[in-house]
């Protein structure tokens, strides 16, 4: 990932971070006045925040996007992926100690399933249907200004199907897929508080782009990995060129004490997006 050769110090208070949001959005936040009288809407993912770790918290909700590997395409729908954690005083994201490294994903339906063609009867009662779920292998890191939402995210992709077993992955902790989610050219739109709790700054229209990341071959698919070749054929892996991930998201910066919804509740047991 490319970034400025001189990065601002991360040893700033949370209020400084909120001020940067106003600068990034052309100062619009300075004139925003909350008008809502109803109870504030909880911040998505805010339940992972810990005031004992840091006074500020970050949450990113992906509203849509596309993963593509040379024609193998996976649509990402609103809420399929949430990144959330407390902002430590020296800048890094500190995830909740729940094994997710601050990344929460729904299972996303792979269009065409195992064979590349959706079949009747709900893909033969689910036997040919496939889902993919992002599992972080390390905590994402912030590159440059926190308000750019420019992130590096090492992850593995869990591939799920009744015949593949529970340990079928593309990528591993030792050899992860590294998504360098660079800030796109689009200008985010800044908002302050309404309808969220006091002190919440939020940006919409955040675009990130990753390209030409390496995708390792599949492992652990089927008994003793006998179905690895099938997954490799269907997902076009291993491969290290022609890959891309494009997302549009909403980002939140807010006091840790505000809390919010729990991303595990929202993504852990729910079904993911439907491919088309």
Protein backbone atom coordinates (compact mmCIF):
# COMPACT_ATOMS: atom_id res chain seq x y z
CA UNK A 1 0.00 0.00 0.00
CA UNK A 2 1.22 3.44 -0.80
CA UNK A 3 0.84 6.24 1.69
CA UNK A 4 2.27 9.63 2.53
CA UNK A 5 5.92 9.65 3.54
CA UNK A 6 5.04 11.79 6.54
CA UNK A 7 2.12 10.54 8.59
CA UNK A 8 0.52 12.60 11.34
CA UNK A 9 1.18 11.51 14.90
CA UNK A 10 -1.42 9.11 16.21
CA UNK A 11 -0.89 10.25 19.79
CA UNK A 12 -3.88 12.58 19.74
CA UNK A 13 -7.04 12.60 21.80
CA UNK A 14 -10.31 11.37 20.41
CA UNK A 15 -11.64 14.91 19.99
CA UNK A 16 -8.76 15.63 17.62
CA UNK A 17 -9.84 12.68 15.51
CA UNK A 18 -13.36 14.06 15.34
CA UNK A 19 -11.99 17.43 14.25
CA UNK A 20 -10.18 15.70 11.40
CA UNK A 21 -13.51 14.34 10.20
CA UNK A 22 -14.73 17.90 9.78
CA UNK A 23 -11.65 18.79 7.76
CA UNK A 24 -11.98 15.69 5.58
CA UNK A 25 -15.57 16.53 4.73
CA UNK A 26 -14.94 20.15 3.87
CA UNK A 27 -15.89 21.46 7.29
CA UNK A 28 -19.52 20.44 6.88
CA UNK A 29 -19.62 18.88 10.32
CA UNK A 30 -18.87 22.16 12.01
CA UNK A 31 -22.29 23.43 11.00
CA UNK A 32 -24.27 20.22 11.58
CA UNK A 33 -26.76 20.60 14.40
CA UNK A 34 -28.56 17.51 15.71
CA UNK A 35 -32.32 17.95 15.50
CA UNK A 36 -33.65 14.52 16.41
CA UNK A 37 -35.77 14.29 19.53
CA UNK A 38 -36.28 10.51 19.48
CA UNK A 39 -33.94 8.11 21.24
CA UNK A 40 -30.60 7.93 19.38
CA UNK A 41 -29.96 5.06 17.01
CA UNK A 42 -27.26 2.72 18.39
CA UNK A 43 -23.98 2.81 16.46
CA UNK A 44 -23.47 -0.43 14.48
CA UNK A 45 -20.71 -2.49 16.07
CA UNK A 46 -20.34 -0.15 19.04
CA UNK A 47 -20.80 -2.89 21.63
CA UNK A 48 -17.21 -4.06 21.11
CA UNK A 49 -15.80 -0.75 22.42
CA UNK A 50 -14.01 -0.67 25.76
CA UNK A 51 -13.61 2.71 27.52
CA UNK A 52 -10.87 1.16 29.66
CA UNK A 53 -8.74 0.70 26.52
CA UNK A 54 -9.38 4.05 24.81
CA UNK A 55 -11.89 6.87 24.80
CA UNK A 56 -12.59 6.59 21.07
CA UNK A 57 -14.01 3.81 18.94
CA UNK A 58 -14.16 3.03 15.21
CA UNK A 59 -16.73 1.05 13.29
CA UNK A 60 -16.94 0.45 9.54
CA UNK A 61 -20.06 -1.08 8.00
CA UNK A 62 -19.66 -2.24 4.42
CA UNK A 63 -22.78 -1.25 2.49
CA UNK A 64 -21.92 -3.02 -0.74
CA UNK A 65 -19.14 -4.18 -2.99
CA UNK A 66 -17.69 -6.84 -5.22
CA UNK A 67 -14.92 -9.42 -4.85
CA UNK A 68 -13.60 -10.58 -8.21
CA UNK A 69 -10.99 -13.12 -9.24
CA UNK A 70 -10.72 -13.13 -13.02
CA UNK A 71 -14.44 -13.60 -13.53
CA UNK A 72 -15.23 -15.46 -10.31
CA UNK A 73 -17.41 -12.82 -8.67
CA UNK A 74 -18.83 -12.57 -5.17
CA UNK A 75 -21.31 -9.76 -4.45
CA UNK A 76 -21.13 -8.11 -1.03
CA UNK A 77 -24.38 -6.69 0.33
CA UNK A 78 -25.19 -4.16 3.03
CA UNK A 79 -24.08 -5.40 6.45
CA UNK A 80 -22.22 -8.47 5.22
CA UNK A 81 -18.98 -7.14 6.77
CA UNK A 82 -18.35 -5.00 9.86
CA UNK A 83 -14.96 -3.88 11.21
CA UNK A 84 -15.04 -2.49 14.75
CA UNK A 85 -12.72 -1.88 17.67
CA UNK A 86 -11.51 0.57 20.27
CA UNK A 87 -8.93 3.17 19.24
CA UNK A 88 -5.97 2.96 21.59
CA UNK A 89 -4.31 6.26 22.65
CA UNK A 90 -1.38 5.56 20.30
CA UNK A 91 -3.63 4.86 17.31
CA UNK A 92 -4.05 1.10 16.66
CA UNK A 93 -7.39 -0.67 16.59
CA UNK A 94 -7.81 -2.84 19.69
CA UNK A 95 -10.40 -5.56 19.05
CA UNK A 96 -12.68 -7.14 21.58
CA UNK A 97 -11.25 -10.41 22.89
CA UNK A 98 -13.70 -12.67 21.05
CA UNK A 99 -11.42 -14.32 18.48
CA UNK A 100 -12.63 -12.22 15.53
CA UNK A 101 -9.78 -9.66 15.48
CA UNK A 102 -12.37 -6.89 15.04
CA UNK A 103 -13.78 -8.29 11.76
CA UNK A 104 -17.31 -9.68 11.63
CA UNK A 105 -18.68 -11.28 8.48
CA UNK A 106 -21.87 -12.96 7.39
CA UNK A 107 -21.69 -16.03 5.14
CA UNK A 108 -22.04 -14.61 1.62
CA UNK A 109 -23.77 -16.71 -1.02
CA UNK A 110 -21.54 -17.66 -3.96
CA UNK A 111 -23.54 -17.29 -7.19
CA UNK A 112 -23.68 -20.59 -9.03
CA UNK A 113 -22.56 -22.67 -6.04
CA UNK A 114 -20.26 -25.62 -6.64
CA UNK A 115 -20.96 -25.99 -10.34
CA UNK A 116 -21.16 -22.33 -11.37
CA UNK A 117 -24.88 -22.64 -12.19
CA UNK A 118 -27.71 -22.19 -9.68
CA UNK A 119 -29.91 -25.29 -9.68
CA UNK A 120 -33.59 -25.70 -8.77
CA UNK A 121 -34.89 -26.81 -5.37
CA UNK A 122 -32.60 -24.37 -3.54
CA UNK A 123 -29.49 -25.76 -5.26
CA UNK A 124 -30.63 -29.37 -4.74
CA UNK A 125 -31.57 -28.81 -1.09
CA UNK A 126 -28.31 -26.99 -0.38
CA UNK A 127 -25.97 -29.73 -1.58
CA UNK A 128 -24.51 -27.56 -4.35
CA UNK A 129 -24.87 -24.19 -2.61
CA UNK A 130 -21.68 -22.50 -1.37
CA UNK A 131 -21.05 -19.60 1.00
CA UNK A 132 -17.88 -17.65 1.68
CA UNK A 133 -17.12 -15.89 4.96
CA UNK A 134 -14.26 -13.51 5.78
CA UNK A 135 -12.27 -14.44 8.89
CA UNK A 136 -9.49 -12.05 9.92
CA UNK A 137 -6.18 -13.66 10.87
CA UNK A 138 -4.86 -10.44 12.47
CA UNK A 139 -6.37 -7.15 13.58
CA UNK A 140 -6.71 -4.68 10.68
CA UNK A 141 -4.31 -1.74 10.77
CA UNK A 142 -5.05 1.91 9.98
CA UNK A 143 -2.81 3.56 7.40
CA UNK A 144 -2.44 7.33 7.66
CA UNK A 145 -5.36 9.43 8.88
CA UNK A 146 -8.04 7.49 10.69
CA UNK A 147 -10.65 9.49 8.74
CA UNK A 148 -9.40 8.02 5.46
CA UNK A 149 -10.50 4.55 6.61
CA UNK A 150 -7.51 3.20 4.67
CA UNK A 151 -6.98 -0.30 6.09
CA UNK A 152 -4.79 -3.38 5.74
CA UNK A 153 -6.71 -6.56 6.57
CA UNK A 154 -5.07 -10.02 6.61
CA UNK A 155 -7.77 -12.68 6.35
CA UNK A 156 -8.75 -16.12 5.21
CA UNK A 157 -11.93 -17.08 3.38
CA UNK A 158 -14.00 -19.87 4.85
CA UNK A 159 -15.73 -21.88 2.12
CA UNK A 160 -18.83 -23.71 3.32
CA UNK A 161 -20.85 -26.48 1.72
CA UNK A 162 -22.32 -29.68 3.23
CA UNK A 163 -19.75 -31.79 1.38
CA UNK A 164 -16.70 -29.65 2.19
CA UNK A 165 -16.70 -30.01 5.97
CA UNK A 166 -15.97 -27.27 8.48
CA UNK A 167 -12.30 -26.61 7.74
CA UNK A 168 -12.26 -25.57 4.08
CA UNK A 169 -10.34 -22.32 3.59
CA UNK A 170 -8.61 -20.14 1.05
CA UNK A 171 -5.77 -18.60 3.04
CA UNK A 172 -4.51 -19.37 6.53
CA UNK A 173 -2.99 -17.57 9.53
CA UNK A 174 0.42 -18.50 8.13
CA UNK A 175 -0.44 -17.56 4.54
CA UNK A 176 -3.33 -15.08 4.63
CA UNK A 177 -5.05 -13.14 1.90
CA UNK A 178 -3.86 -9.56 2.54
CA UNK A 179 -6.43 -6.97 1.50
CA UNK A 180 -4.77 -3.55 1.11
CA UNK A 181 -7.95 -1.48 1.17
CA UNK A 182 -6.78 1.82 -0.26
CA UNK A 183 -8.94 4.91 -0.10
CA UNK A 184 -10.78 5.50 -3.37
CA UNK A 185 -11.00 8.84 -5.21
CA UNK A 186 -14.61 9.50 -4.18
CA UNK A 187 -15.18 12.16 -1.50
CA UNK A 188 -16.95 10.87 1.63
CA UNK A 189 -19.89 12.81 3.04
CA UNK A 190 -19.56 13.92 6.68
CA UNK A 191 -22.31 13.88 9.30
CA UNK A 192 -22.45 14.53 13.03
CA UNK A 193 -24.60 12.81 15.65
CA UNK A 194 -28.20 12.76 14.34
CA UNK A 195 -29.55 10.07 14.48
CA UNK A 196 -26.70 8.57 16.52
CA UNK A 197 -25.64 9.36 20.13
CA UNK A 198 -23.80 12.50 21.19
CA UNK A 199 -20.25 12.82 19.94
CA UNK A 200 -20.71 10.46 16.98
CA UNK A 201 -19.12 11.52 13.70
CA UNK A 202 -20.00 9.40 10.68
CA UNK A 203 -19.03 9.38 7.04
CA UNK A 204 -20.94 7.86 4.15
CA UNK A 205 -19.76 7.10 0.61
CA UNK A 206 -16.39 5.73 1.77
CA UNK A 207 -14.85 3.82 -1.13
CA UNK A 208 -11.94 1.40 -0.79
CA UNK A 209 -10.12 -0.57 -3.44
CA UNK A 210 -7.74 -3.53 -3.26
CA UNK A 211 -6.14 -5.11 -6.34
CA UNK A 212 -3.76 -7.90 -7.36
CA UNK A 213 -3.72 -9.56 -3.95
CA UNK A 214 -2.56 -13.18 -3.85
CA UNK A 215 -5.08 -15.96 -3.30
CA UNK A 216 -3.58 -19.24 -2.04
CA UNK A 217 -4.96 -22.62 -3.01
CA UNK A 218 -7.70 -24.21 -0.95
CA UNK A 219 -6.93 -26.39 2.06
CA UNK A 220 -8.98 -28.69 4.28
CA UNK A 221 -11.86 -29.19 1.83
CA UNK A 222 -13.53 -32.57 2.24
CA UNK A 223 -12.01 -35.59 4.01
CA UNK A 224 -8.22 -35.26 4.01
CA UNK A 225 -8.50 -32.38 1.53
CA UNK A 226 -9.69 -34.57 -1.35
CA UNK A 227 -12.01 -31.78 -2.58
CA UNK A 228 -9.33 -29.10 -2.64
CA UNK A 229 -8.97 -29.41 -6.44
CA UNK A 230 -12.71 -28.82 -6.93
CA UNK A 231 -12.61 -25.62 -4.84
CA UNK A 232 -9.43 -24.49 -6.64
CA UNK A 233 -11.13 -25.01 -10.00
CA UNK A 234 -14.32 -23.21 -9.01
CA UNK A 235 -12.62 -20.25 -7.25
CA UNK A 236 -9.75 -20.01 -9.77
CA UNK A 237 -7.05 -20.33 -7.13
CA UNK A 238 -4.16 -20.20 -6.47
CA UNK A 239 -3.72 -16.88 -8.23
CA UNK A 240 -1.89 -13.60 -7.67
CA UNK A 241 -3.09 -11.31 -10.48
CA UNK A 242 -6.37 -9.95 -11.76
CA UNK A 243 -7.91 -9.97 -8.29
CA UNK A 244 -9.90 -7.06 -6.91
CA UNK A 245 -12.07 -6.02 -3.98
CA UNK A 246 -14.15 -2.83 -4.17
CA UNK A 247 -16.34 -1.68 -1.30
CA UNK A 248 -18.56 1.21 -0.29
CA UNK A 249 -18.97 1.74 3.44
CA UNK A 250 -20.17 3.94 6.26
CA UNK A 251 -17.57 4.77 8.92
CA UNK A 252 -18.21 5.84 12.50
CA UNK A 253 -15.94 7.58 15.04
CA UNK A 254 -17.49 7.93 18.47
CA UNK A 255 -16.87 7.84 22.24
CA UNK A 256 -16.29 4.27 23.45
CA UNK A 257 -18.71 4.81 26.31
CA UNK A 258 -21.59 5.23 23.82
CA UNK A 259 -21.62 1.53 23.02
CA UNK A 260 -23.92 0.30 20.27
CA UNK A 261 -25.06 -2.92 18.63
CA UNK A 262 -23.11 -6.17 18.82
CA UNK A 263 -21.71 -7.27 15.43
CA UNK A 264 -21.73 -10.90 16.54
CA UNK A 265 -25.48 -10.69 17.06
CA UNK A 266 -25.91 -9.03 13.69
CA UNK A 267 -23.62 -11.30 11.66
CA UNK A 268 -22.80 -14.40 13.71
CA UNK A 269 -25.96 -16.40 13.32
CA UNK A 270 -27.54 -14.67 10.37
CA UNK A 271 -27.51 -15.62 6.73
CA UNK A 272 -25.45 -13.51 4.37
CA UNK A 273 -26.29 -11.79 1.14
CA UNK A 274 -27.81 -13.54 -1.82
CA UNK A 275 -25.80 -13.67 -5.00
CA UNK A 276 -27.31 -12.80 -8.32
